[in-house]
């Protein structure tokens, strides 16, 4: 156990996951779904991240996928969420049979444990000890759980007009992230 490595991994994952930047998306999902299942979203995110730490490359190989294809697929979902946030429209229709799944898709995947996070975990494995990466994942999951639990309180503090502004600003940021993921994973020529 190396505290410097743990600190580095934690900061890298925190910046890639960007749970604070995802607050407008979280609030939008909560409004659509009625509530956020913080425990379910955190557990599913944990399963995805830890699975990718140990089995990521094998899982992708099993389906004949590479990291770039996986990243672009996640970017498309992020792009759709960004368009909803910017335009104030609903592209992903509510399915009455799927009510309550917003804590899993798109919250746990791709917002929290998306292609960027999972690809980063695969990359970190080449540089850091698995134990230190695992501890960094757990520390991030604690922060994620806390943010998900206080999303209602944050929405009250931000207010409707503040939320509308934040939603559009972070929608543009999400859109830029989606474009960056596509740009860095697709070769044009």
N, C-alpha and C. Protein backbone atom coordinates (compact mmCIF):
# COMPACT_ATOMS: atom_id res chain seq x y z
N UNK A 1 0.85 -1.17 0.00
CA UNK A 1 0.00 0.00 0.00
C UNK A 1 0.90 1.24 0.00
N UNK A 2 0.68 2.07 -1.03
CA UNK A 2 1.49 3.27 -1.21
C UNK A 2 0.54 4.46 -1.20
N UNK A 3 0.65 5.33 -0.19
CA UNK A 3 -0.27 6.45 -0.04
C UNK A 3 -0.17 7.45 -1.18
N UNK A 4 1.00 7.63 -1.75
CA UNK A 4 1.17 8.53 -2.88
C UNK A 4 0.41 8.00 -4.09
N UNK A 5 0.52 6.69 -4.34
CA UNK A 5 -0.21 6.07 -5.44
C UNK A 5 -1.72 6.16 -5.21
N UNK A 6 -2.15 5.89 -3.98
CA UNK A 6 -3.58 5.96 -3.66
C UNK A 6 -4.11 7.37 -3.92
N UNK A 7 -3.36 8.37 -3.48
CA UNK A 7 -3.75 9.77 -3.67
C UNK A 7 -3.82 10.10 -5.16
N UNK A 8 -2.82 9.68 -5.93
CA UNK A 8 -2.80 9.94 -7.37
C UNK A 8 -3.97 9.27 -8.07
N UNK A 9 -4.19 8.00 -7.79
CA UNK A 9 -5.30 7.26 -8.42
C UNK A 9 -6.63 7.90 -8.06
N UNK A 10 -6.81 8.26 -6.78
CA UNK A 10 -8.06 8.87 -6.32
C UNK A 10 -8.33 10.16 -7.07
N UNK A 11 -7.32 11.02 -7.20
CA UNK A 11 -7.49 12.29 -7.91
C UNK A 11 -7.75 12.09 -9.39
N UNK A 12 -7.05 11.15 -10.01
CA UNK A 12 -7.26 10.88 -11.43
C UNK A 12 -8.69 10.42 -11.66
N UNK A 13 -9.14 9.45 -10.88
CA UNK A 13 -10.51 8.94 -11.04
C UNK A 13 -11.55 10.02 -10.71
N UNK A 14 -11.28 10.82 -9.68
CA UNK A 14 -12.21 11.88 -9.29
C UNK A 14 -12.40 12.87 -10.45
N UNK A 15 -11.30 13.20 -11.12
CA UNK A 15 -11.41 14.15 -12.23
C UNK A 15 -12.09 13.53 -13.44
N UNK A 16 -11.88 12.24 -13.68
CA UNK A 16 -12.51 11.58 -14.82
C UNK A 16 -14.00 11.35 -14.55
N UNK A 17 -14.35 10.89 -13.37
CA UNK A 17 -15.75 10.64 -13.02
C UNK A 17 -16.51 11.97 -12.96
N UNK A 18 -15.89 12.99 -12.40
CA UNK A 18 -16.45 14.34 -12.29
C UNK A 18 -17.87 14.32 -11.73
N UNK A 19 -18.03 13.72 -10.57
CA UNK A 19 -19.36 13.61 -9.96
C UNK A 19 -19.94 14.97 -9.63
N UNK A 20 -19.11 15.94 -9.29
CA UNK A 20 -19.63 17.28 -9.01
C UNK A 20 -20.16 17.93 -10.28
N UNK A 21 -19.49 17.72 -11.39
CA UNK A 21 -19.96 18.24 -12.67
C UNK A 21 -21.21 17.54 -13.16
N UNK A 22 -21.46 16.34 -12.64
CA UNK A 22 -22.63 15.56 -13.05
C UNK A 22 -23.88 15.90 -12.25
N UNK A 23 -23.77 16.81 -11.28
CA UNK A 23 -24.92 17.14 -10.43
C UNK A 23 -26.15 17.54 -11.24
N UNK A 24 -26.02 18.41 -12.27
CA UNK A 24 -27.23 18.71 -13.06
C UNK A 24 -27.85 17.48 -13.72
N UNK A 25 -27.02 16.55 -14.20
CA UNK A 25 -27.54 15.32 -14.79
C UNK A 25 -28.24 14.48 -13.74
N UNK A 26 -27.66 14.41 -12.55
CA UNK A 26 -28.24 13.64 -11.45
C UNK A 26 -29.61 14.21 -11.09
N UNK A 27 -29.70 15.53 -11.00
CA UNK A 27 -30.96 16.17 -10.66
C UNK A 27 -32.00 15.92 -11.76
N UNK A 28 -31.58 15.99 -13.01
CA UNK A 28 -32.48 15.72 -14.14
C UNK A 28 -33.01 14.29 -14.07
N UNK A 29 -32.15 13.35 -13.78
CA UNK A 29 -32.57 11.94 -13.67
C UNK A 29 -33.52 11.78 -12.49
N UNK A 30 -33.22 12.44 -11.37
CA UNK A 30 -34.09 12.35 -10.19
C UNK A 30 -35.47 12.92 -10.49
N UNK A 31 -35.51 14.03 -11.22
CA UNK A 31 -36.80 14.63 -11.58
C UNK A 31 -37.59 13.69 -12.48
N UNK A 32 -36.91 13.04 -13.41
CA UNK A 32 -37.57 12.13 -14.35
C UNK A 32 -38.03 10.85 -13.65
N UNK A 33 -37.20 10.32 -12.77
CA UNK A 33 -37.47 9.04 -12.14
C UNK A 33 -38.26 9.14 -10.83
N UNK A 34 -38.24 10.32 -10.23
CA UNK A 34 -38.91 10.47 -8.93
C UNK A 34 -37.93 10.42 -7.77
N UNK A 35 -36.88 9.65 -7.93
CA UNK A 35 -35.83 9.58 -6.90
C UNK A 35 -34.59 8.91 -7.47
N UNK A 36 -33.50 9.13 -6.77
CA UNK A 36 -32.23 8.48 -7.14
C UNK A 36 -32.01 7.36 -6.13
N UNK A 37 -31.72 6.20 -6.63
CA UNK A 37 -31.38 5.06 -5.77
C UNK A 37 -29.87 5.08 -5.57
N UNK A 38 -29.42 5.86 -4.60
CA UNK A 38 -27.99 6.08 -4.38
C UNK A 38 -27.24 4.78 -4.13
N UNK A 39 -27.85 3.91 -3.33
CA UNK A 39 -27.19 2.63 -3.02
C UNK A 39 -27.01 1.79 -4.27
N UNK A 40 -28.08 1.66 -5.07
CA UNK A 40 -28.02 0.84 -6.28
C UNK A 40 -27.01 1.42 -7.27
N UNK A 41 -27.06 2.73 -7.48
CA UNK A 41 -26.13 3.36 -8.42
C UNK A 41 -24.68 3.18 -7.97
N UNK A 42 -24.44 3.33 -6.67
CA UNK A 42 -23.07 3.18 -6.15
C UNK A 42 -22.60 1.74 -6.27
N UNK A 43 -23.47 0.80 -5.94
CA UNK A 43 -23.09 -0.63 -6.00
C UNK A 43 -22.83 -1.06 -7.44
N UNK A 44 -23.73 -0.67 -8.36
CA UNK A 44 -23.53 -1.03 -9.77
C UNK A 44 -22.25 -0.39 -10.30
N UNK A 45 -22.01 0.86 -9.94
CA UNK A 45 -20.77 1.54 -10.35
C UNK A 45 -19.56 0.80 -9.80
N UNK A 46 -19.64 0.37 -8.54
CA UNK A 46 -18.53 -0.37 -7.92
C UNK A 46 -18.28 -1.68 -8.65
N UNK A 47 -19.34 -2.40 -8.95
CA UNK A 47 -19.20 -3.68 -9.66
C UNK A 47 -18.54 -3.46 -11.02
N UNK A 48 -19.01 -2.44 -11.74
CA UNK A 48 -18.42 -2.16 -13.06
C UNK A 48 -16.95 -1.79 -12.95
N UNK A 49 -16.62 -0.89 -12.01
CA UNK A 49 -15.23 -0.44 -11.88
C UNK A 49 -14.30 -1.56 -11.43
N UNK A 50 -14.70 -2.32 -10.43
CA UNK A 50 -13.85 -3.40 -9.92
C UNK A 50 -13.73 -4.51 -10.96
N UNK A 51 -14.84 -4.81 -11.64
CA UNK A 51 -14.79 -5.82 -12.71
C UNK A 51 -13.82 -5.40 -13.79
N UNK A 52 -13.87 -4.13 -14.17
CA UNK A 52 -12.96 -3.66 -15.20
C UNK A 52 -11.52 -3.63 -14.72
N UNK A 53 -11.31 -3.42 -13.45
CA UNK A 53 -9.95 -3.45 -12.92
C UNK A 53 -9.33 -4.82 -13.15
N UNK A 54 -10.10 -5.86 -12.90
CA UNK A 54 -9.56 -7.22 -12.99
C UNK A 54 -9.84 -7.92 -14.32
N UNK A 55 -10.97 -7.58 -14.96
CA UNK A 55 -11.39 -8.34 -16.14
C UNK A 55 -11.63 -7.48 -17.38
N UNK A 56 -11.36 -6.18 -17.31
CA UNK A 56 -11.73 -5.25 -18.37
C UNK A 56 -11.33 -5.66 -19.76
N UNK A 57 -10.05 -5.88 -19.95
CA UNK A 57 -9.58 -6.22 -21.29
C UNK A 57 -10.17 -7.55 -21.75
N UNK A 58 -10.30 -8.51 -20.85
CA UNK A 58 -10.88 -9.81 -21.20
C UNK A 58 -12.34 -9.69 -21.59
N UNK A 59 -13.11 -8.84 -20.87
CA UNK A 59 -14.52 -8.64 -21.18
C UNK A 59 -14.67 -8.04 -22.58
N UNK A 60 -13.87 -7.02 -22.86
CA UNK A 60 -13.94 -6.40 -24.19
C UNK A 60 -13.54 -7.39 -25.27
N UNK A 61 -12.48 -8.16 -25.02
CA UNK A 61 -12.03 -9.16 -25.99
C UNK A 61 -13.10 -10.21 -26.24
N UNK A 62 -13.82 -10.59 -25.20
CA UNK A 62 -14.89 -11.60 -25.31
C UNK A 62 -15.92 -11.18 -26.34
N UNK A 63 -16.24 -9.90 -26.38
CA UNK A 63 -17.22 -9.39 -27.33
C UNK A 63 -16.58 -8.86 -28.62
N UNK A 64 -15.26 -9.02 -28.73
CA UNK A 64 -14.56 -8.56 -29.92
C UNK A 64 -14.48 -7.05 -30.00
N UNK A 65 -14.47 -6.40 -28.85
CA UNK A 65 -14.43 -4.94 -28.80
C UNK A 65 -13.06 -4.46 -28.37
N UNK A 66 -12.75 -3.25 -28.77
CA UNK A 66 -11.56 -2.60 -28.26
C UNK A 66 -11.98 -1.43 -27.38
N UNK A 67 -11.04 -0.87 -26.66
CA UNK A 67 -11.34 0.22 -25.73
C UNK A 67 -11.92 1.42 -26.49
N UNK A 68 -11.42 1.68 -27.69
CA UNK A 68 -11.89 2.83 -28.47
C UNK A 68 -13.37 2.68 -28.82
N UNK A 69 -13.80 1.51 -29.25
CA UNK A 69 -15.21 1.28 -29.58
C UNK A 69 -16.09 1.45 -28.35
N UNK A 70 -15.62 0.94 -27.24
CA UNK A 70 -16.35 1.07 -25.98
C UNK A 70 -16.48 2.53 -25.58
N UNK A 71 -15.41 3.28 -25.75
CA UNK A 71 -15.41 4.70 -25.41
C UNK A 71 -16.38 5.48 -26.29
N UNK A 72 -16.41 5.18 -27.58
CA UNK A 72 -17.32 5.89 -28.49
C UNK A 72 -18.77 5.57 -28.16
N UNK A 73 -19.09 4.32 -27.81
CA UNK A 73 -20.45 3.96 -27.42
C UNK A 73 -20.89 4.77 -26.20
N UNK A 74 -20.03 4.88 -25.22
CA UNK A 74 -20.34 5.69 -24.03
C UNK A 74 -20.49 7.16 -24.39
N UNK A 75 -19.68 7.63 -25.34
CA UNK A 75 -19.75 9.03 -25.77
C UNK A 75 -21.09 9.34 -26.42
N UNK A 76 -21.64 8.38 -27.15
CA UNK A 76 -22.94 8.59 -27.80
C UNK A 76 -24.04 8.79 -26.75
N UNK A 77 -24.01 8.00 -25.70
CA UNK A 77 -25.00 8.14 -24.62
C UNK A 77 -24.81 9.49 -23.92
N UNK A 78 -23.58 9.86 -23.67
CA UNK A 78 -23.29 11.16 -23.04
C UNK A 78 -23.77 12.29 -23.95
N UNK A 79 -23.58 12.14 -25.26
CA UNK A 79 -24.03 13.13 -26.23
C UNK A 79 -25.55 13.33 -26.15
N UNK A 80 -26.29 12.23 -26.08
CA UNK A 80 -27.75 12.31 -26.00
C UNK A 80 -28.19 13.01 -24.72
N UNK A 81 -27.56 12.67 -23.60
CA UNK A 81 -27.88 13.33 -22.32
C UNK A 81 -27.57 14.82 -22.42
N UNK A 82 -26.45 15.17 -23.02
CA UNK A 82 -26.06 16.57 -23.18
C UNK A 82 -27.08 17.34 -24.01
N UNK A 83 -27.57 16.73 -25.08
CA UNK A 83 -28.56 17.39 -25.93
C UNK A 83 -29.86 17.62 -25.16
N UNK A 84 -30.25 16.66 -24.34
CA UNK A 84 -31.44 16.85 -23.49
C UNK A 84 -31.24 18.04 -22.56
N UNK A 85 -30.07 18.12 -21.96
CA UNK A 85 -29.80 19.19 -21.00
C UNK A 85 -29.75 20.56 -21.68
N UNK A 86 -29.13 20.65 -22.83
CA UNK A 86 -28.97 21.93 -23.52
C UNK A 86 -30.31 22.41 -24.09
N UNK A 87 -31.02 21.52 -24.76
CA UNK A 87 -32.24 21.90 -25.46
C UNK A 87 -33.50 21.84 -24.60
N UNK A 88 -33.40 21.23 -23.42
CA UNK A 88 -34.56 21.11 -22.55
C UNK A 88 -35.62 20.20 -23.13
N UNK A 89 -35.18 19.18 -23.87
CA UNK A 89 -36.10 18.22 -24.48
C UNK A 89 -35.84 16.83 -23.90
N UNK A 90 -36.73 15.91 -24.22
CA UNK A 90 -36.55 14.54 -23.77
C UNK A 90 -36.37 13.64 -24.98
N UNK A 91 -35.17 13.13 -25.15
CA UNK A 91 -34.89 12.19 -26.23
C UNK A 91 -35.04 10.76 -25.76
N UNK A 92 -34.71 10.52 -24.51
CA UNK A 92 -34.87 9.19 -23.92
C UNK A 92 -36.21 9.18 -23.23
N UNK A 93 -37.16 8.52 -23.86
CA UNK A 93 -38.53 8.50 -23.35
C UNK A 93 -38.64 7.61 -22.12
N UNK A 94 -39.53 8.00 -21.22
CA UNK A 94 -39.76 7.19 -20.03
C UNK A 94 -40.54 5.94 -20.41
N UNK A 95 -40.01 4.80 -20.08
CA UNK A 95 -40.69 3.53 -20.28
C UNK A 95 -41.32 3.17 -18.95
N UNK A 96 -42.66 3.06 -18.88
CA UNK A 96 -43.31 2.76 -17.60
C UNK A 96 -42.78 1.48 -16.95
N UNK A 97 -42.39 0.50 -17.78
CA UNK A 97 -41.86 -0.75 -17.23
C UNK A 97 -40.44 -0.59 -16.72
N UNK A 98 -39.74 0.46 -17.17
CA UNK A 98 -38.34 0.66 -16.78
C UNK A 98 -38.21 1.74 -15.72
N UNK A 99 -39.32 2.20 -15.17
CA UNK A 99 -39.26 3.26 -14.15
C UNK A 99 -38.37 2.81 -13.00
N UNK A 100 -37.49 3.69 -12.59
CA UNK A 100 -36.58 3.36 -11.50
C UNK A 100 -35.23 2.85 -11.97
N UNK A 101 -35.07 2.67 -13.29
CA UNK A 101 -33.78 2.18 -13.80
C UNK A 101 -32.81 3.32 -14.09
N UNK A 102 -33.24 4.57 -13.94
CA UNK A 102 -32.37 5.71 -14.21
C UNK A 102 -31.16 5.75 -13.30
N UNK A 103 -31.24 5.08 -12.15
CA UNK A 103 -30.09 5.02 -11.26
C UNK A 103 -29.01 4.09 -11.83
N UNK A 104 -29.41 3.25 -12.79
CA UNK A 104 -28.44 2.34 -13.39
C UNK A 104 -28.00 2.88 -14.74
N UNK A 105 -28.96 3.08 -15.65
CA UNK A 105 -28.67 3.68 -16.95
C UNK A 105 -29.50 4.93 -17.04
N UNK A 106 -28.96 6.09 -17.17
CA UNK A 106 -27.58 6.43 -17.49
C UNK A 106 -26.71 6.81 -16.29
N UNK A 107 -27.20 6.69 -15.06
CA UNK A 107 -26.43 7.19 -13.92
C UNK A 107 -25.20 6.34 -13.63
N UNK A 108 -25.40 5.07 -13.26
CA UNK A 108 -24.23 4.22 -12.96
C UNK A 108 -23.36 4.05 -14.20
N UNK A 109 -24.02 3.82 -15.34
CA UNK A 109 -23.31 3.76 -16.61
C UNK A 109 -24.10 4.55 -17.62
N UNK A 110 -23.57 5.56 -18.27
CA UNK A 110 -22.17 5.92 -18.40
C UNK A 110 -21.73 7.13 -17.59
N UNK A 111 -22.63 7.74 -16.78
CA UNK A 111 -22.22 8.98 -16.10
C UNK A 111 -21.13 8.72 -15.06
N UNK A 112 -21.32 7.73 -14.18
CA UNK A 112 -20.33 7.46 -13.14
C UNK A 112 -19.25 6.50 -13.66
N UNK A 113 -19.66 5.30 -14.00
CA UNK A 113 -18.70 4.30 -14.46
C UNK A 113 -18.81 4.17 -15.97
N UNK A 114 -18.53 5.25 -16.66
CA UNK A 114 -18.64 5.26 -18.11
C UNK A 114 -17.36 4.81 -18.78
N UNK A 115 -17.37 4.97 -20.08
CA UNK A 115 -16.24 4.53 -20.89
C UNK A 115 -14.94 5.22 -20.46
N UNK A 116 -15.03 6.51 -20.14
CA UNK A 116 -13.83 7.22 -19.70
C UNK A 116 -13.27 6.67 -18.41
N UNK A 117 -14.16 6.42 -17.45
CA UNK A 117 -13.74 5.87 -16.15
C UNK A 117 -13.15 4.48 -16.33
N UNK A 118 -13.86 3.63 -17.07
CA UNK A 118 -13.41 2.25 -17.22
C UNK A 118 -12.11 2.17 -18.03
N UNK A 119 -12.00 3.01 -19.05
CA UNK A 119 -10.75 3.04 -19.83
C UNK A 119 -9.60 3.54 -18.96
N UNK A 120 -9.89 4.53 -18.12
CA UNK A 120 -8.86 5.06 -17.21
C UNK A 120 -8.39 3.97 -16.25
N UNK A 121 -9.33 3.20 -15.73
CA UNK A 121 -8.97 2.10 -14.81
C UNK A 121 -8.05 1.11 -15.51
N UNK A 122 -8.36 0.79 -16.78
CA UNK A 122 -7.48 -0.12 -17.52
C UNK A 122 -6.09 0.49 -17.68
N UNK A 123 -6.04 1.80 -17.94
CA UNK A 123 -4.75 2.48 -18.10
C UNK A 123 -3.98 2.54 -16.79
N UNK A 124 -4.69 2.80 -15.69
CA UNK A 124 -4.04 2.90 -14.38
C UNK A 124 -3.36 1.58 -14.00
N UNK A 125 -3.96 0.49 -14.45
CA UNK A 125 -3.43 -0.84 -14.12
C UNK A 125 -2.01 -1.03 -14.62
N UNK A 126 -1.69 -0.33 -15.69
CA UNK A 126 -0.34 -0.45 -16.25
C UNK A 126 0.69 0.32 -15.44
N UNK A 127 0.23 1.24 -14.57
CA UNK A 127 1.16 2.11 -13.85
C UNK A 127 1.16 1.88 -12.34
N UNK A 128 0.00 1.58 -11.77
CA UNK A 128 -0.15 1.49 -10.32
C UNK A 128 -0.49 0.07 -9.87
N UNK A 129 -0.23 -0.19 -8.60
CA UNK A 129 -0.58 -1.48 -7.99
C UNK A 129 -2.09 -1.62 -7.90
N UNK A 130 -2.58 -2.83 -8.13
CA UNK A 130 -4.02 -3.08 -8.10
C UNK A 130 -4.65 -2.68 -6.77
N UNK A 131 -3.98 -2.96 -5.67
CA UNK A 131 -4.51 -2.63 -4.35
C UNK A 131 -4.73 -1.13 -4.21
N UNK A 132 -3.78 -0.35 -4.68
CA UNK A 132 -3.89 1.10 -4.59
C UNK A 132 -5.01 1.63 -5.49
N UNK A 133 -5.18 1.02 -6.66
CA UNK A 133 -6.28 1.41 -7.55
C UNK A 133 -7.61 1.07 -6.89
N UNK A 134 -7.70 -0.09 -6.29
CA UNK A 134 -8.93 -0.53 -5.61
C UNK A 134 -9.29 0.45 -4.50
N UNK A 135 -8.33 0.87 -3.72
CA UNK A 135 -8.59 1.83 -2.63
C UNK A 135 -9.04 3.16 -3.22
N UNK A 136 -8.42 3.61 -4.32
CA UNK A 136 -8.83 4.84 -5.00
C UNK A 136 -10.26 4.75 -5.50
N UNK A 137 -10.65 3.59 -6.02
CA UNK A 137 -12.03 3.37 -6.47
C UNK A 137 -12.99 3.50 -5.29
N UNK A 138 -12.66 2.85 -4.18
CA UNK A 138 -13.53 2.87 -3.00
C UNK A 138 -13.69 4.31 -2.47
N UNK A 139 -12.60 5.06 -2.41
CA UNK A 139 -12.68 6.45 -1.94
C UNK A 139 -13.60 7.28 -2.84
N UNK A 140 -13.50 7.07 -4.14
CA UNK A 140 -14.38 7.78 -5.07
C UNK A 140 -15.83 7.36 -4.90
N UNK A 141 -16.06 6.09 -4.65
CA UNK A 141 -17.44 5.59 -4.46
C UNK A 141 -18.08 6.21 -3.22
N UNK A 142 -17.28 6.46 -2.19
CA UNK A 142 -17.80 7.12 -0.98
C UNK A 142 -18.28 8.53 -1.32
N UNK A 143 -17.48 9.27 -2.09
CA UNK A 143 -17.87 10.62 -2.51
C UNK A 143 -19.10 10.57 -3.40
N UNK A 144 -19.13 9.63 -4.33
CA UNK A 144 -20.28 9.47 -5.24
C UNK A 144 -21.55 9.22 -4.45
N UNK A 145 -21.49 8.30 -3.51
CA UNK A 145 -22.67 7.97 -2.69
C UNK A 145 -23.17 9.21 -1.95
N UNK A 146 -22.25 9.97 -1.39
CA UNK A 146 -22.63 11.18 -0.65
C UNK A 146 -23.32 12.18 -1.57
N UNK A 147 -22.75 12.43 -2.74
CA UNK A 147 -23.34 13.39 -3.68
C UNK A 147 -24.73 12.92 -4.12
N UNK A 148 -24.87 11.63 -4.40
CA UNK A 148 -26.18 11.10 -4.80
C UNK A 148 -27.21 11.26 -3.69
N UNK A 149 -26.79 11.05 -2.45
CA UNK A 149 -27.71 11.17 -1.31
C UNK A 149 -28.18 12.60 -1.09
N UNK A 150 -27.34 13.58 -1.37
CA UNK A 150 -27.71 14.98 -1.10
C UNK A 150 -28.22 15.70 -2.35
N UNK A 151 -28.52 14.97 -3.43
CA UNK A 151 -28.93 15.63 -4.67
C UNK A 151 -30.23 16.42 -4.49
N UNK A 152 -31.16 15.94 -3.69
CA UNK A 152 -32.41 16.69 -3.44
C UNK A 152 -32.11 18.00 -2.73
N UNK A 153 -31.26 17.93 -1.73
CA UNK A 153 -30.87 19.12 -0.98
C UNK A 153 -30.16 20.12 -1.90
N UNK A 154 -29.27 19.62 -2.77
CA UNK A 154 -28.56 20.49 -3.70
C UNK A 154 -29.55 21.17 -4.65
N UNK A 155 -30.54 20.43 -5.10
CA UNK A 155 -31.53 21.02 -6.00
C UNK A 155 -32.30 22.14 -5.30
N UNK A 156 -32.64 21.94 -4.02
CA UNK A 156 -33.34 22.99 -3.26
C UNK A 156 -32.46 24.23 -3.13
N UNK A 157 -31.20 24.04 -2.85
CA UNK A 157 -30.28 25.16 -2.67
C UNK A 157 -30.02 25.90 -3.98
N UNK A 158 -29.94 25.16 -5.07
CA UNK A 158 -29.66 25.76 -6.37
C UNK A 158 -30.89 26.51 -6.90
N UNK A 159 -32.06 25.95 -6.68
CA UNK A 159 -33.29 26.57 -7.16
C UNK A 159 -33.56 26.26 -8.62
N UNK A 160 -34.80 26.53 -9.07
CA UNK A 160 -35.20 26.20 -10.44
C UNK A 160 -34.41 26.99 -11.49
N UNK A 161 -34.27 28.30 -11.29
CA UNK A 161 -33.56 29.10 -12.29
C UNK A 161 -32.06 28.77 -12.28
N UNK A 162 -31.49 28.56 -11.10
CA UNK A 162 -30.09 28.16 -11.01
C UNK A 162 -29.85 26.81 -11.66
N UNK A 163 -30.81 25.90 -11.46
CA UNK A 163 -30.71 24.58 -12.06
C UNK A 163 -30.79 24.67 -13.58
N UNK A 164 -31.67 25.52 -14.09
CA UNK A 164 -31.82 25.67 -15.54
C UNK A 164 -30.52 26.16 -16.16
N UNK A 165 -29.88 27.13 -15.52
CA UNK A 165 -28.61 27.65 -16.02
C UNK A 165 -27.53 26.57 -15.94
N UNK A 166 -27.42 25.93 -14.77
CA UNK A 166 -26.41 24.87 -14.59
C UNK A 166 -26.61 23.73 -15.58
N UNK A 167 -27.88 23.36 -15.79
CA UNK A 167 -28.18 22.25 -16.69
C UNK A 167 -27.63 22.55 -18.09
N UNK A 168 -27.83 23.76 -18.56
CA UNK A 168 -27.35 24.10 -19.92
C UNK A 168 -25.83 24.22 -19.96
N UNK A 169 -25.25 24.83 -18.95
CA UNK A 169 -23.79 24.96 -18.91
C UNK A 169 -23.14 23.58 -18.87
N UNK A 170 -23.60 22.73 -17.97
CA UNK A 170 -23.01 21.40 -17.88
C UNK A 170 -23.39 20.53 -19.06
N UNK A 171 -24.51 20.82 -19.70
CA UNK A 171 -24.86 20.12 -20.94
C UNK A 171 -23.83 20.38 -22.01
N UNK A 172 -23.40 21.65 -22.14
CA UNK A 172 -22.36 22.00 -23.11
C UNK A 172 -21.04 21.31 -22.74
N UNK A 173 -20.73 21.27 -21.45
CA UNK A 173 -19.50 20.58 -21.01
C UNK A 173 -19.58 19.09 -21.33
N UNK A 174 -20.74 18.46 -21.04
CA UNK A 174 -20.91 17.04 -21.37
C UNK A 174 -20.78 16.82 -22.87
N UNK A 175 -21.35 17.73 -23.65
CA UNK A 175 -21.26 17.62 -25.11
C UNK A 175 -19.80 17.68 -25.55
N UNK A 176 -19.03 18.60 -24.95
CA UNK A 176 -17.61 18.72 -25.27
C UNK A 176 -16.85 17.45 -24.87
N UNK A 177 -17.22 16.86 -23.74
CA UNK A 177 -16.58 15.61 -23.30
C UNK A 177 -16.88 14.50 -24.30
N UNK A 178 -18.14 14.41 -24.74
CA UNK A 178 -18.52 13.39 -25.72
C UNK A 178 -17.73 13.56 -27.02
N UNK A 179 -17.61 14.80 -27.49
CA UNK A 179 -16.86 15.07 -28.71
C UNK A 179 -15.39 14.70 -28.53
N UNK A 180 -14.83 15.05 -27.36
CA UNK A 180 -13.42 14.73 -27.09
C UNK A 180 -13.20 13.22 -27.08
N UNK A 181 -14.13 12.47 -26.47
CA UNK A 181 -13.99 11.01 -26.42
C UNK A 181 -14.01 10.44 -27.84
N UNK A 182 -14.96 10.92 -28.66
CA UNK A 182 -15.04 10.44 -30.05
C UNK A 182 -13.77 10.83 -30.81
N UNK A 183 -13.36 12.07 -30.66
CA UNK A 183 -12.18 12.59 -31.38
C UNK A 183 -10.92 11.79 -31.04
N UNK A 184 -10.77 11.43 -29.76
CA UNK A 184 -9.55 10.72 -29.37
C UNK A 184 -9.63 9.21 -29.63
N UNK A 185 -10.81 8.71 -30.01
CA UNK A 185 -10.95 7.27 -30.23
C UNK A 185 -11.32 6.87 -31.66
N UNK A 186 -11.51 7.86 -32.54
CA UNK A 186 -11.86 7.58 -33.92
C UNK A 186 -10.78 8.19 -34.81
N UNK A 187 -10.27 7.39 -35.73
CA UNK A 187 -9.28 7.92 -36.66
C UNK A 187 -9.98 8.25 -37.97
N UNK A 188 -9.72 9.44 -38.47
CA UNK A 188 -10.36 9.91 -39.69
C UNK A 188 -9.38 9.90 -40.86
N UNK A 189 -9.02 8.73 -41.28
CA UNK A 189 -8.15 8.70 -42.45
C UNK A 189 -6.97 7.90 -42.29
